[in-house]
Amino acid sequence: MAAFRWLAAILSANCILAACAAPMSSAPVAEKSVLIAPADAPVKTVQLARFDISIPASRIVGRRTTGFLCLGGNDLRMGQMDALVGRRELVDIFEQEFESANYKVVGNPDALFADARKETADLMIGILIKNVEANICFPSEEYNLASGNAKFMVQWQIYDRLQRETILTVDVTGSSEVSLSSTAPEESFRQAFASSVRQLLASQEFFDVVTGRREATRAAAIKAQDKKATVSIATVPLSTKPFETQATDIRGRVATILTGEGSGSGFMIADRYFVTNQHVVGGAAFVKVKLITGREILGDVIARDVGRDVALIQTEPVGLGGLPIRLPDVAIGSRVFVVGSPLGEDNEGTVLSGIVSTYRVDDDGTRYIQSDAGILPGNSGGPMLDESGNVIAITVAGIIDPRTGGSTGLNYFIPIAEALEKLGVTLAGPNS
């Protein structure tokens, strides 16, 4: 009898190695070569921030079979497979595969509360496991040896902290085949997930994002579109009335600028002409301009300067004059107002106030007004006005508190005189 069991084990092993592996619903996925991050160039840091499984625990994802031919058996459900390998193990696999490809992974997966190191990551990565296929075969239950295979259908989402949006979504399938192992069920799961990580690392799109090549390509393409207008506008007489007495009229001349990729703010310098940021319009030739009245009109981007981050939009006649423009600098400590659409068009016409904190000059000589007037994403391109409602600058950027998502009071604005000069807009009138 012992000799018979010994012979059966040999036959089972041969069957596993030859033709009796757990049946796979389709062929294993051929992996592409991982693209290794260059060691001699800056590469963005990454962190695994979200890990979700969109598969109910009760869903049947495969079969557990027995015998020489791997027939019969029972259904495998997602809950059983999920219990074989902890998510922490999968996080470890993620980090190992990324580090093997020269990527820097930051953050502490064991942190129960906010992880300060998390804020150093340039890119946040989210994983959504959308489907799983798994099959396990035990040719010889007595010897607890099994073969297994698995497939992971995974969606990777890449979130850029600077842009504050998901910039890339990659769908991949990773697969595995494990033969004659006492750990085949869990090992097939681990290897299939590792395969899905490598599939992401083989993506040219992902490589271009992490190495900054996509940004450089886009910036170069947009830079090539830089052009000045030859527009001369009649200036509106400077206002001397308090801002609050004319806030309604001012808000009526500030618009939400809508593109296929998001929204920002803009404002009228003359009928038919709106100024905004270049990063609001992006590479678009046309945008939608939404006034606070609800009216929406098509705008043509007729001038832009990537380096100064300004753009000029021309629309059909609106029937309103532009805001008055004040070219000289205002004094530090002066009260100022900011108008725009923070966090999108639902908050259009929002008025915020502060003071001119100081003037800043970058290493390249670019000047900014710094102010504590609170801004959020969506304010970009809107006007900064003095206490009499005259435009003195364009909202461009603010430092966000990573813990709260709110403003830090360190916000930056482009002086209007420099913006108009870069766009090729000249003023005709007493304020020019």
Protein backbone atom coordinates (compact mmCIF):
# COMPACT_ATOMS: atom_id res chain seq x y z
CA MET A 1 0.00 0.00 0.00
CA ALA A 2 2.86 2.39 0.86
CA ALA A 3 4.46 1.61 -2.50
CA PHE A 4 1.20 2.43 -4.23
CA ARG A 5 0.99 5.84 -2.49
CA TRP A 6 4.62 6.50 -3.44
CA LEU A 7 3.85 5.66 -7.08
CA ALA A 8 0.73 7.88 -6.98
CA ALA A 9 2.78 10.80 -5.68
CA ILE A 10 5.29 10.38 -8.50
CA LEU A 11 2.52 10.25 -11.08
CA SER A 12 0.90 13.34 -9.53
CA ALA A 13 4.13 15.27 -9.66
CA ASN A 14 4.68 14.29 -13.29
CA CYS A 15 1.12 15.28 -14.07
CA ILE A 16 1.63 18.70 -12.48
CA LEU A 17 4.84 19.32 -14.36
CA ALA A 18 3.43 18.12 -17.67
CA ALA A 19 -0.22 18.54 -18.48
CA CYS A 20 -2.30 18.64 -15.33
CA ALA A 21 -1.69 22.12 -13.98
CA ALA A 22 -4.69 24.06 -12.79
CA PRO A 23 -6.57 25.10 -15.95
CA MET A 24 -6.27 28.77 -16.88
CA SER A 25 -9.24 30.47 -18.47
CA SER A 26 -6.95 32.08 -21.04
CA ALA A 27 -3.26 32.23 -21.86
CA PRO A 28 -0.84 33.90 -19.42
CA VAL A 29 -0.11 37.54 -20.12
CA ALA A 30 3.18 38.25 -21.88
CA GLU A 31 5.02 40.89 -19.89
CA LYS A 32 6.83 43.79 -21.50
CA SER A 33 10.25 44.81 -20.24
CA VAL A 34 10.24 47.12 -17.22
CA LEU A 35 11.49 50.62 -18.02
CA ILE A 36 14.24 51.40 -15.51
CA ALA A 37 14.33 54.94 -14.12
CA PRO A 38 17.55 56.74 -15.06
CA ALA A 39 20.05 56.98 -12.21
CA ASP A 40 21.61 60.20 -13.52
CA ALA A 41 18.43 62.27 -13.86
CA PRO A 42 15.78 63.56 -11.41
CA VAL A 43 12.82 61.22 -11.00
CA LYS A 44 9.60 62.05 -9.17
CA THR A 45 8.99 60.37 -5.85
CA VAL A 46 5.94 58.13 -5.48
CA GLN A 47 3.76 56.77 -2.73
CA LEU A 48 1.08 54.13 -2.70
CA ALA A 49 -1.81 56.14 -1.26
CA ARG A 50 -4.93 54.06 -2.02
CA PHE A 51 -5.53 50.34 -2.37
CA ASP A 52 -9.07 49.19 -3.17
CA ILE A 53 -10.68 45.99 -4.42
CA SER A 54 -13.93 46.41 -6.34
CA ILE A 55 -14.82 42.70 -6.19
CA PRO A 56 -17.45 41.42 -3.72
CA ALA A 57 -16.14 38.74 -1.35
CA SER A 58 -18.90 36.38 -2.55
CA ARG A 59 -17.99 36.56 -6.25
CA ILE A 60 -16.73 33.32 -7.81
CA VAL A 61 -13.26 33.96 -9.24
CA GLY A 62 -12.08 30.42 -10.04
CA ARG A 63 -11.97 26.73 -9.06
CA ARG A 64 -10.26 24.50 -6.51
CA THR A 65 -9.83 21.08 -8.10
CA THR A 66 -8.19 17.75 -7.21
CA GLY A 67 -6.84 14.61 -8.85
CA PHE A 68 -4.57 13.78 -11.75
CA LEU A 69 -6.71 15.66 -14.26
CA CYS A 70 -7.63 18.57 -12.02
CA LEU A 71 -11.34 17.97 -12.45
CA GLY A 72 -14.36 18.61 -10.26
CA GLY A 73 -13.75 20.53 -7.08
CA ASN A 74 -15.36 23.62 -5.63
CA ASP A 75 -15.78 27.24 -6.54
CA LEU A 76 -13.20 29.74 -5.29
CA ARG A 77 -14.65 33.00 -4.05
CA MET A 78 -12.93 36.34 -3.78
CA GLY A 79 -13.09 36.32 0.00
CA GLN A 80 -11.09 33.07 0.11
CA MET A 81 -8.41 34.42 -2.19
CA ASP A 82 -8.22 37.77 -0.42
CA ALA A 83 -7.64 35.95 2.86
CA LEU A 84 -4.60 34.12 1.47
CA VAL A 85 -2.47 37.24 1.08
CA GLY A 86 -2.68 40.33 3.29
CA ARG A 87 -2.74 43.76 1.69
CA ARG A 88 0.43 44.66 3.55
CA GLU A 89 2.20 41.86 1.66
CA LEU A 90 1.01 43.36 -1.60
CA VAL A 91 2.22 46.80 -0.53
CA ASP A 92 5.64 45.27 0.15
CA ILE A 93 5.62 43.74 -3.33
CA PHE A 94 4.73 47.13 -4.81
CA GLU A 95 7.64 48.81 -3.04
CA GLN A 96 10.10 46.05 -3.96
CA GLU A 97 9.22 46.15 -7.66
CA PHE A 98 9.41 49.96 -7.77
CA GLU A 99 12.73 50.10 -5.98
CA SER A 100 14.09 47.42 -8.31
CA ALA A 101 13.30 49.80 -11.18
CA ASN A 102 15.17 52.71 -9.48
CA TYR A 103 12.05 54.57 -8.31
CA LYS A 104 12.01 56.24 -4.90
CA VAL A 105 9.00 55.18 -2.83
CA VAL A 106 8.25 57.37 0.18
CA GLY A 107 5.78 57.22 3.04
CA ASN A 108 5.13 54.83 5.89
CA PRO A 109 2.41 52.22 5.19
CA ASP A 110 2.17 51.47 8.93
CA ALA A 111 1.30 55.05 9.93
CA LEU A 112 -2.14 55.11 11.56
CA PHE A 113 -2.42 58.89 11.33
CA ALA A 114 -1.17 61.54 8.93
CA ASP A 115 2.32 60.66 7.77
CA ALA A 116 4.52 63.73 7.46
CA ARG A 117 6.70 61.97 4.91
CA LYS A 118 3.67 61.48 2.69
CA GLU A 119 3.83 65.13 1.73
CA THR A 120 7.24 64.67 0.14
CA ALA A 121 5.80 62.42 -2.57
CA ASP A 122 5.42 64.09 -5.95
CA LEU A 123 3.00 61.44 -7.22
CA MET A 124 0.35 59.55 -5.27
CA ILE A 125 -0.54 56.13 -6.67
CA GLY A 126 -3.89 54.43 -6.28
CA ILE A 127 -4.63 50.77 -7.01
CA LEU A 128 -8.06 49.45 -7.95
CA ILE A 129 -8.23 45.67 -8.40
CA LYS A 130 -11.13 45.28 -10.82
CA ASN A 131 -11.15 41.54 -11.43
CA VAL A 132 -9.36 38.34 -10.41
CA GLU A 133 -9.20 34.89 -11.96
CA ALA A 134 -7.63 32.08 -9.93
CA ASN A 135 -7.43 28.27 -10.13
CA ILE A 136 -5.79 25.85 -7.70
CA CYS A 137 -5.25 22.11 -8.28
CA PHE A 138 -4.25 19.53 -5.63
CA PRO A 139 -3.32 16.36 -7.56
CA SER A 140 -2.35 14.69 -4.30
CA GLU A 141 -4.19 15.96 -1.24
CA GLU A 142 -2.11 13.69 0.96
CA TYR A 143 1.15 15.43 0.08
CA ASN A 144 -0.34 18.96 0.14
CA LEU A 145 1.32 19.90 -3.13
CA ALA A 146 -0.56 22.11 -5.54
CA SER A 147 -0.27 24.03 -8.77
CA GLY A 148 -1.96 27.38 -9.24
CA ASN A 149 -2.44 30.27 -11.56
CA ALA A 150 -3.99 33.69 -11.23
CA LYS A 151 -4.73 36.85 -13.13
CA PHE A 152 -5.12 40.34 -11.74
CA MET A 153 -6.94 43.03 -13.71
CA VAL A 154 -5.70 46.24 -12.10
CA GLN A 155 -6.33 49.93 -12.72
CA TRP A 156 -3.50 52.21 -11.64
CA GLN A 157 -4.36 55.86 -11.04
CA ILE A 158 -1.58 58.45 -10.80
CA TYR A 159 -2.34 61.65 -8.88
CA ASP A 160 -0.04 64.66 -9.22
CA ARG A 161 0.12 66.62 -5.94
CA LEU A 162 1.31 69.80 -7.64
CA GLN A 163 -1.46 69.79 -10.25
CA ARG A 164 -3.93 68.40 -7.68
CA GLU A 165 -5.51 66.00 -10.15
CA THR A 166 -5.30 62.47 -11.52
CA ILE A 167 -3.05 62.81 -14.55
CA LEU A 168 -2.83 59.20 -15.73
CA THR A 169 -4.91 56.02 -15.59
CA VAL A 170 -3.36 52.73 -16.72
CA ASP A 171 -5.26 49.42 -16.96
CA VAL A 172 -3.09 46.29 -16.89
CA THR A 173 -3.39 42.53 -16.45
CA GLY A 174 -0.79 40.56 -14.50
CA SER A 175 -0.63 36.77 -14.42
CA SER A 176 1.21 33.91 -12.72
CA GLU A 177 1.69 30.15 -12.87
CA VAL A 178 3.08 28.20 -9.90
CA SER A 179 3.72 24.44 -10.07
CA LEU A 180 4.28 21.76 -7.43
CA SER A 181 4.41 23.94 -4.35
CA SER A 182 2.95 23.77 -0.87
CA THR A 183 2.34 27.53 -1.12
CA ALA A 184 0.86 27.56 -4.62
CA PRO A 185 -2.47 29.23 -3.67
CA GLU A 186 -0.96 32.31 -2.01
CA GLU A 187 2.17 32.39 -4.18
CA SER A 188 0.14 32.52 -7.39
CA PHE A 189 -1.70 35.51 -5.92
CA ARG A 190 1.53 37.28 -4.99
CA GLN A 191 3.14 36.65 -8.36
CA ALA A 192 0.08 37.82 -10.31
CA PHE A 193 0.07 41.09 -8.36
CA ALA A 194 3.82 41.52 -8.86
CA SER A 195 3.24 40.98 -12.58
CA SER A 196 0.64 43.77 -12.60
CA VAL A 197 3.15 46.12 -10.94
CA ARG A 198 5.74 45.29 -13.59
CA GLN A 199 3.17 45.91 -16.31
CA LEU A 200 2.73 49.43 -14.94
CA LEU A 201 6.50 49.89 -14.81
CA ALA A 202 6.66 48.81 -18.46
CA SER A 203 4.20 51.54 -19.48
CA GLN A 204 5.84 54.27 -21.53
CA GLU A 205 3.17 56.73 -20.40
CA PHE A 206 3.98 56.08 -16.75
CA PHE A 207 7.71 56.30 -17.40
CA ASP A 208 7.26 59.65 -19.13
CA VAL A 209 5.21 60.99 -16.21
CA VAL A 210 7.65 59.93 -13.47
CA THR A 211 10.74 61.10 -15.33
CA GLY A 212 9.12 64.44 -16.24
CA ARG A 213 9.33 63.76 -19.97
CA ARG A 214 5.60 64.19 -20.52
CA GLU A 215 5.63 67.60 -18.84
CA ALA A 216 8.66 68.65 -20.84
CA THR A 217 7.05 67.53 -24.09
CA ARG A 218 3.81 69.36 -23.30
CA ALA A 219 5.64 72.49 -22.17
CA ALA A 220 7.70 72.52 -25.35
CA ALA A 221 4.58 72.08 -27.48
CA ILE A 222 2.78 74.90 -25.68
CA LYS A 223 5.87 77.10 -25.67
CA ALA A 224 5.93 76.77 -29.44
CA GLN A 225 2.48 78.38 -29.42
CA ASP A 226 3.72 81.48 -27.59
CA LYS A 227 2.55 84.54 -29.42
CA LYS A 228 1.82 88.16 -28.72
CA ALA A 229 -1.29 89.99 -29.74
CA THR A 230 -1.33 93.42 -31.33
CA VAL A 231 -4.22 94.72 -29.28
CA SER A 232 -4.65 98.29 -28.09
CA ILE A 233 -7.46 98.88 -25.61
CA ALA A 234 -8.93 102.11 -24.31
CA THR A 235 -8.32 102.28 -20.59
CA VAL A 236 -11.12 102.70 -18.13
CA PRO A 237 -10.62 105.67 -15.77
CA LEU A 238 -9.19 104.59 -12.45
CA SER A 239 -11.76 104.15 -9.72
CA THR A 240 -11.64 106.08 -6.47
CA LYS A 241 -14.72 104.51 -4.89
CA PRO A 242 -14.46 101.85 -2.16
CA PHE A 243 -14.36 98.30 -3.51
CA GLU A 244 -17.43 97.20 -1.59
CA THR A 245 -19.63 99.84 -3.25
CA GLN A 246 -18.91 98.38 -6.70
CA ALA A 247 -18.38 94.70 -5.89
CA THR A 248 -21.41 93.63 -7.94
CA ASP A 249 -20.14 95.33 -11.11
CA ILE A 250 -16.64 93.93 -10.59
CA ARG A 251 -17.92 90.38 -10.12
CA GLY A 252 -19.89 90.74 -13.36
CA ARG A 253 -16.61 91.24 -15.23
CA VAL A 254 -14.91 88.18 -13.73
CA ALA A 255 -15.57 84.86 -15.47
CA THR A 256 -14.98 81.16 -15.01
CA ILE A 257 -12.74 79.80 -17.79
CA LEU A 258 -13.67 76.22 -18.72
CA THR A 259 -11.55 73.77 -20.69
CA GLY A 260 -11.71 70.03 -21.27
CA GLU A 261 -9.21 69.52 -18.44
CA GLY A 262 -10.63 71.78 -15.72
CA SER A 263 -11.43 75.37 -14.91
CA GLY A 264 -9.93 78.61 -13.67
CA SER A 265 -10.81 82.29 -13.58
CA GLY A 266 -10.38 85.26 -15.90
CA PHE A 267 -11.41 88.89 -16.12
CA MET A 268 -12.29 91.55 -18.69
CA ILE A 269 -9.77 94.23 -19.60
CA ALA A 270 -12.07 95.47 -22.38
CA ASP A 271 -15.22 94.29 -24.09
CA ARG A 272 -14.40 90.97 -25.85
CA TYR A 273 -11.00 90.58 -24.12
CA PHE A 274 -10.31 88.43 -21.05
CA VAL A 275 -6.99 87.85 -19.32
CA THR A 276 -6.19 84.59 -17.49
CA ASN A 277 -3.27 82.25 -16.78
CA GLN A 278 -1.64 80.14 -19.46
CA HIS A 279 -1.91 77.09 -17.19
CA VAL A 280 -5.69 77.61 -17.10
CA VAL A 281 -6.10 77.40 -20.89
CA GLY A 282 -3.30 74.83 -21.33
CA GLY A 283 -2.80 73.93 -24.96
CA ALA A 284 -6.38 74.74 -25.95
CA ALA A 285 -7.05 77.02 -28.88
CA PHE A 286 -10.63 77.61 -27.73
CA VAL A 287 -12.18 77.76 -24.25
CA LYS A 288 -15.59 78.39 -22.75
CA VAL A 289 -16.08 81.64 -20.85
CA LYS A 290 -18.88 81.58 -18.28
CA LEU A 291 -20.07 84.88 -16.82
CA ILE A 292 -21.61 85.15 -13.37
CA THR A 293 -25.00 85.72 -15.04
CA GLY A 294 -24.82 82.17 -16.39
CA ARG A 295 -24.11 83.24 -19.96
CA GLU A 296 -21.56 81.04 -21.69
CA ILE A 297 -19.57 82.17 -24.73
CA LEU A 298 -16.78 80.66 -26.79
CA GLY A 299 -13.36 82.24 -26.45
CA ASP A 300 -10.38 82.15 -28.82
CA VAL A 301 -6.94 82.10 -27.15
CA ILE A 302 -5.19 84.77 -29.23
CA ALA A 303 -2.03 85.32 -27.17
CA ARG A 304 -0.06 83.42 -24.56
CA ASP A 305 3.25 83.44 -22.76
CA VAL A 306 4.20 80.22 -21.01
CA GLY A 307 7.12 81.69 -19.09
CA ARG A 308 4.99 84.43 -17.50
CA ASP A 309 1.96 82.12 -17.34
CA VAL A 310 -0.50 84.55 -18.95
CA ALA A 311 -3.02 84.24 -21.81
CA LEU A 312 -5.42 86.53 -23.66
CA ILE A 313 -8.87 85.37 -24.76
CA GLN A 314 -11.05 87.06 -27.35
CA THR A 315 -14.82 86.49 -27.37
CA GLU A 316 -17.90 87.86 -29.08
CA PRO A 317 -19.05 91.25 -27.71
CA VAL A 318 -20.20 90.95 -24.11
CA GLY A 319 -21.70 94.41 -23.78
CA LEU A 320 -19.60 95.33 -20.76
CA GLY A 321 -16.48 97.44 -20.39
CA GLY A 322 -13.28 96.19 -18.85
CA LEU A 323 -12.08 96.64 -15.30
CA PRO A 324 -9.88 99.68 -14.62
CA ILE A 325 -6.17 98.83 -14.68
CA ARG A 326 -3.60 100.31 -12.31
CA LEU A 327 -0.06 99.88 -13.66
CA PRO A 328 2.17 101.29 -10.87
CA ASP A 329 3.00 99.08 -7.89
CA VAL A 330 0.96 99.50 -4.73
CA ALA A 331 2.59 99.87 -1.33
CA ILE A 332 3.35 96.89 0.89
CA GLY A 333 0.59 96.64 3.47
CA SER A 334 -2.08 97.94 1.09
CA ARG A 335 -5.45 96.25 1.33
CA VAL A 336 -6.35 94.13 -1.72
CA PHE A 337 -9.22 91.96 -2.97
CA VAL A 338 -9.20 88.77 -5.05
CA VAL A 339 -12.17 87.61 -7.13
CA GLY A 340 -12.57 84.24 -8.82
CA SER A 341 -14.01 80.72 -8.83
CA PRO A 342 -12.17 78.74 -6.13
CA LEU A 343 -12.68 74.98 -6.53
CA GLY A 344 -14.74 75.48 -9.69
CA GLU A 345 -17.73 77.26 -11.16
CA ASP A 346 -20.01 76.43 -8.23
CA ASN A 347 -18.08 79.06 -6.27
CA GLU A 348 -17.88 81.69 -9.02
CA GLY A 349 -17.71 85.33 -8.00
CA THR A 350 -16.12 84.59 -4.62
CA VAL A 351 -14.44 87.67 -3.09
CA LEU A 352 -11.48 87.30 -0.72
CA SER A 353 -9.33 89.98 0.86
CA GLY A 354 -5.90 90.50 2.37
CA ILE A 355 -2.91 92.79 2.12
CA VAL A 356 0.16 93.06 -0.08
CA SER A 357 2.69 91.17 2.02
CA THR A 358 5.76 91.89 -0.12
CA TYR A 359 7.20 91.71 -3.63
CA ARG A 360 9.21 88.62 -4.62
CA VAL A 361 11.73 88.12 -7.40
CA ASP A 362 12.68 84.62 -8.63
CA ASP A 363 16.22 83.63 -9.56
CA ASP A 364 15.32 84.30 -13.19
CA GLY A 365 14.17 87.83 -12.39
CA THR A 366 10.42 87.11 -12.51
CA ARG A 367 8.47 89.39 -10.16
CA TYR A 368 5.45 88.47 -8.06
CA ILE A 369 3.23 90.18 -5.55
CA GLN A 370 2.91 88.09 -2.39
CA SER A 371 -0.31 88.37 -0.40
CA ASP A 372 -2.20 86.64 2.39
CA ALA A 373 -5.44 86.96 0.40
CA GLY A 374 -6.64 83.36 0.47
CA ILE A 375 -6.84 81.48 -2.82
CA LEU A 376 -7.54 77.90 -3.86
CA PRO A 377 -7.38 75.95 -7.13
CA GLY A 378 -9.82 77.63 -9.50
CA ASN A 379 -8.78 81.15 -8.47
CA SER A 380 -5.95 81.04 -11.01
CA GLY A 381 -6.32 83.76 -13.64
CA GLY A 382 -8.64 85.94 -11.60
CA PRO A 383 -7.90 89.59 -10.73
CA MET A 384 -6.29 91.09 -7.67
CA LEU A 385 -7.70 94.59 -7.12
CA ASP A 386 -6.76 97.48 -4.89
CA GLU A 387 -9.15 98.91 -2.31
CA SER A 388 -10.77 101.05 -5.02
CA GLY A 389 -11.44 98.16 -7.40
CA ASN A 390 -8.56 98.72 -9.86
CA VAL A 391 -6.79 95.63 -11.21
CA ILE A 392 -3.18 95.43 -10.03
CA ALA A 393 -2.32 91.76 -10.63
CA ILE A 394 -3.39 88.29 -11.80
CA THR A 395 -3.75 85.35 -9.41
CA VAL A 396 -1.25 82.64 -10.32
CA ALA A 397 -0.35 80.30 -7.43
CA GLY A 398 -0.71 79.61 -3.74
CA ILE A 399 0.96 77.26 -1.30
CA ILE A 400 -1.58 74.80 0.07
CA ASP A 401 -1.42 73.43 3.62
CA PRO A 402 -0.97 69.66 3.02
CA ARG A 403 -2.73 68.78 6.27
CA THR A 404 -5.92 70.75 5.70
CA GLY A 405 -5.94 71.49 1.97
CA GLY A 406 -6.45 75.15 2.81
CA SER A 407 -4.45 78.27 2.06
CA THR A 408 -1.26 79.01 4.00
CA GLY A 409 -1.44 82.74 3.33
CA LEU A 410 1.55 82.50 0.98
CA ASN A 411 -0.04 83.37 -2.35
CA TYR A 412 1.44 84.86 -5.50
CA PHE A 413 0.18 87.23 -8.18
CA ILE A 414 1.55 88.52 -11.49
CA PRO A 415 1.76 92.34 -11.72
CA ILE A 416 -0.73 93.40 -14.39
CA ALA A 417 1.72 95.71 -16.20
CA GLU A 418 4.14 92.84 -16.84
CA ALA A 419 1.34 90.50 -17.88
CA LEU A 420 -0.01 92.89 -20.49
CA GLU A 421 3.48 93.58 -21.85
CA LYS A 422 4.09 89.85 -22.36
CA LEU A 423 0.75 89.47 -24.13
CA GLY A 424 1.33 92.41 -26.48
CA VAL A 425 -1.55 94.47 -25.09
CA THR A 426 -1.08 98.22 -25.08
CA LEU A 427 -3.22 100.73 -23.25
CA ALA A 428 -4.50 103.91 -24.89
CA GLY A 429 -5.69 106.56 -22.49
CA PRO A 430 -4.83 108.49 -19.34
CA ASN A 431 -3.68 105.43 -17.35
CA SER A 432 -1.21 104.22 -19.96
